[in-house]
Amino acid sequence: MRWPARGRRHMTSSPQSTPRGNLTTVELIWIEKRVEHRIRFGRPSHETIIDKQRRVVGFAPGSVFAFVRWAANDFGTVVSRIDIVRAVLPAEPYQTLPYIRPGGELLLKVAGWDKVERVLQRIDTIEAIGLDPVEAAPDYWRQTHNRLVAGATPRAYSLDQHRAFLLRKRATS
């Protein structure tokens, strides 16, 4: 994987973008065959390219994203991890996480390639039914985390489940 050929730039999703001070930032790294920190899904509102191997993306409060970390040495994989995180508002409590500043609400945290692969498959199935994983119910990610930790198979996310989540969200708004 190579970073897109771009110079230093800033992305915003709207003219009234969130001030950069309120963003949750994630440091992304790519060193061929050694380190890969990437966003699997999410909608960054800001991006700064530092050099050919590093960039920083920022997420507005309330945004959900998946952060994948992988590292290897001469003997094989040493780190394989995925975190699904909700960026928090400045006054909200948060968990500190490596490469994520200041931190976020952790919806899912798994380590080990077998579990990471299962989460990536869950993400793929959500996309296959025509949904953006960003829009999935946060409780789905928590349930997936809990089932993986318990050694069980996570349930699939369905369109009916998504509709129910949207109705609950609308009713509480």
Protein backbone atom coordinates (compact mmCIF):
# COMPACT_ATOMS: atom_id res chain seq x y z
CA MET A 1 0.00 0.00 0.00
CA ARG A 2 1.30 3.44 -0.86
CA TRP A 3 0.04 6.77 0.40
CA PRO A 4 -1.75 8.86 -2.22
CA ALA A 5 0.57 11.24 -4.05
CA ARG A 6 -0.49 14.49 -2.41
CA GLY A 7 1.20 17.39 -0.76
CA ARG A 8 0.37 18.77 2.66
CA ARG A 9 -3.35 19.48 2.75
CA HIS A 10 -6.35 19.90 4.97
CA MET A 11 -9.73 18.28 4.29
CA THR A 12 -12.99 19.58 5.64
CA SER A 13 -16.41 18.06 5.26
CA SER A 14 -18.22 21.39 5.30
CA PRO A 15 -17.48 25.11 5.27
CA GLN A 16 -18.41 25.22 8.98
CA SER A 17 -15.86 22.58 9.98
CA THR A 18 -15.04 21.69 13.55
CA PRO A 19 -12.14 23.72 14.97
CA ARG A 20 -8.97 21.61 14.84
CA GLY A 21 -8.62 21.86 18.61
CA ASN A 22 -11.74 19.72 19.08
CA LEU A 23 -10.66 16.99 16.69
CA THR A 24 -9.57 13.53 17.73
CA THR A 25 -6.36 12.96 15.80
CA VAL A 26 -4.90 9.65 14.68
CA GLU A 27 -1.30 9.20 13.58
CA LEU A 28 -1.07 6.90 10.56
CA ILE A 29 2.20 5.19 9.67
CA TRP A 30 3.21 3.04 6.74
CA ILE A 31 6.65 1.44 6.50
CA GLU A 32 6.64 -1.30 3.90
CA LYS A 33 6.64 -4.81 5.39
CA ARG A 34 7.21 -3.39 8.91
CA VAL A 35 4.45 -1.09 10.19
CA GLU A 36 0.96 -0.26 8.99
CA HIS A 37 -1.39 2.00 10.96
CA ARG A 38 -4.45 2.79 8.88
CA ILE A 39 -8.07 3.78 9.04
CA ARG A 40 -10.33 0.95 7.82
CA PHE A 41 -13.47 3.09 7.89
CA GLY A 42 -14.35 6.57 9.05
CA ARG A 43 -14.76 10.09 7.72
CA PRO A 44 -11.79 12.27 8.62
CA SER A 45 -12.49 15.99 8.56
CA HIS A 46 -8.83 16.95 8.52
CA GLU A 47 -5.62 15.46 7.13
CA THR A 48 -2.00 16.53 7.34
CA ILE A 49 0.71 14.68 5.46
CA ILE A 50 3.92 14.81 7.47
CA ASP A 51 6.21 12.81 5.17
CA LYS A 52 6.13 9.74 2.90
CA GLN A 53 5.55 7.43 5.86
CA ARG A 54 3.40 9.46 8.25
CA ARG A 55 0.23 11.46 8.21
CA VAL A 56 -2.29 12.64 10.77
CA VAL A 57 -6.06 12.56 10.29
CA GLY A 58 -8.62 14.26 12.51
CA PHE A 59 -12.17 13.22 13.34
CA ALA A 60 -14.96 15.49 14.53
CA PRO A 61 -16.63 14.73 17.88
CA GLY A 62 -19.17 11.92 17.52
CA SER A 63 -17.42 10.38 14.51
CA VAL A 64 -16.83 6.63 14.53
CA PHE A 65 -13.77 5.09 12.90
CA ALA A 66 -11.82 1.83 12.79
CA PHE A 67 -8.08 2.04 13.42
CA VAL A 68 -5.98 -0.96 12.35
CA ARG A 69 -2.43 -1.47 13.63
CA TRP A 70 -0.07 -4.10 12.29
CA ALA A 71 3.67 -4.50 12.80
CA ALA A 72 6.23 -7.15 11.90
CA ASN A 73 9.88 -7.89 12.44
CA ASP A 74 12.27 -10.31 10.74
CA PHE A 75 10.44 -13.26 12.30
CA GLY A 76 6.84 -12.34 11.46
CA THR A 77 3.87 -10.39 12.79
CA VAL A 78 4.32 -8.92 16.26
CA VAL A 79 1.19 -6.70 16.48
CA SER A 80 -2.20 -7.16 14.89
CA ARG A 81 -4.97 -5.03 16.36
CA ILE A 82 -8.16 -3.17 15.49
CA ASP A 83 -9.95 -0.55 17.57
CA ILE A 84 -13.34 0.92 16.73
CA VAL A 85 -13.53 4.31 18.39
CA ARG A 86 -16.00 7.16 18.76
CA ALA A 87 -14.39 10.60 18.86
CA VAL A 88 -15.57 12.41 21.98
CA LEU A 89 -16.71 15.93 22.72
CA PRO A 90 -14.23 18.03 24.73
CA ALA A 91 -16.16 17.63 28.03
CA GLU A 92 -16.75 13.86 27.69
CA PRO A 93 -14.64 11.25 29.45
CA TYR A 94 -12.44 9.14 27.18
CA GLN A 95 -9.95 6.30 27.15
CA THR A 96 -6.39 6.97 26.09
CA LEU A 97 -5.20 4.91 23.16
CA PRO A 98 -1.84 4.68 21.38
CA TYR A 99 -1.57 7.01 18.36
CA ILE A 100 -5.00 8.57 19.10
CA ARG A 101 -5.08 12.01 20.74
CA PRO A 102 -6.56 12.78 23.13
CA GLY A 103 -8.36 9.40 23.06
CA GLY A 104 -11.92 8.26 22.49
CA GLU A 105 -14.79 6.04 23.51
CA LEU A 106 -13.67 2.51 22.76
CA LEU A 107 -16.48 0.51 21.13
CA LEU A 108 -14.39 -2.51 20.14
CA LYS A 109 -10.82 -3.57 20.88
CA VAL A 110 -9.32 -6.83 19.67
CA ALA A 111 -5.78 -8.09 19.22
CA GLY A 112 -4.46 -11.13 17.40
CA TRP A 113 -4.81 -11.75 13.71
CA ASP A 114 -7.64 -14.33 13.99
CA LYS A 115 -9.88 -11.88 15.87
CA VAL A 116 -8.84 -8.88 13.76
CA GLU A 117 -9.70 -10.86 10.63
CA ARG A 118 -13.15 -11.69 12.04
CA VAL A 119 -13.82 -7.99 12.71
CA LEU A 120 -12.67 -7.07 9.20
CA GLN A 121 -15.10 -9.69 7.86
CA ARG A 122 -17.93 -8.11 9.92
CA ILE A 123 -17.05 -4.73 8.40
CA ASP A 124 -17.07 -6.26 4.90
CA THR A 125 -20.52 -7.80 5.47
CA ILE A 126 -21.93 -4.45 6.63
CA GLU A 127 -20.60 -2.83 3.47
CA ALA A 128 -21.98 -5.73 1.39
CA ILE A 129 -25.55 -4.93 2.54
CA GLY A 130 -25.07 -1.34 1.39
CA LEU A 131 -24.32 0.38 4.70
CA ASP A 132 -21.35 2.44 5.77
CA PRO A 133 -19.90 0.87 8.94
CA VAL A 134 -19.66 4.40 10.39
CA GLU A 135 -23.47 4.39 10.57
CA ALA A 136 -23.77 1.02 12.36
CA ALA A 137 -25.19 1.01 15.87
CA PRO A 138 -22.43 1.52 18.47
CA ASP A 139 -24.02 -1.29 20.49
CA TYR A 140 -23.31 -3.64 17.58
CA TRP A 141 -19.57 -2.98 17.91
CA ARG A 142 -19.74 -3.48 21.69
CA GLN A 143 -21.62 -6.77 21.21
CA THR A 144 -19.08 -7.91 18.62
CA HIS A 145 -16.24 -7.10 21.02
CA ASN A 146 -17.91 -8.99 23.87
CA ARG A 147 -18.66 -12.06 21.78
CA LEU A 148 -15.09 -12.23 20.43
CA VAL A 149 -13.63 -11.89 23.93
CA ALA A 150 -15.92 -14.70 25.11
CA GLY A 151 -14.82 -16.92 22.21
CA ALA A 152 -18.25 -16.77 20.54
CA THR A 153 -19.18 -15.85 16.98
CA PRO A 154 -20.36 -12.27 16.53
CA ARG A 155 -23.83 -11.88 15.08
CA ALA A 156 -24.23 -10.35 11.64
CA TYR A 157 -25.52 -6.78 11.38
CA SER A 158 -28.79 -6.67 9.43
CA LEU A 159 -30.83 -3.99 7.71
CA ASP A 160 -33.66 -4.66 10.20
CA GLN A 161 -31.27 -4.11 13.10
CA HIS A 162 -30.06 -0.89 11.46
CA ARG A 163 -33.62 0.39 10.93
CA ALA A 164 -34.41 -0.31 14.61
CA PHE A 165 -31.26 1.59 15.65
CA LEU A 166 -32.27 4.58 13.50
CA LEU A 167 -35.81 4.58 15.00
CA ARG A 168 -34.37 4.47 18.54
CA LYS A 169 -31.96 7.26 17.68
CA ARG A 170 -34.78 9.40 16.24
CA ALA A 171 -37.02 8.74 19.27
CA THR A 172 -34.34 9.88 21.73
CA SER A 173 -33.38 13.00 19.76
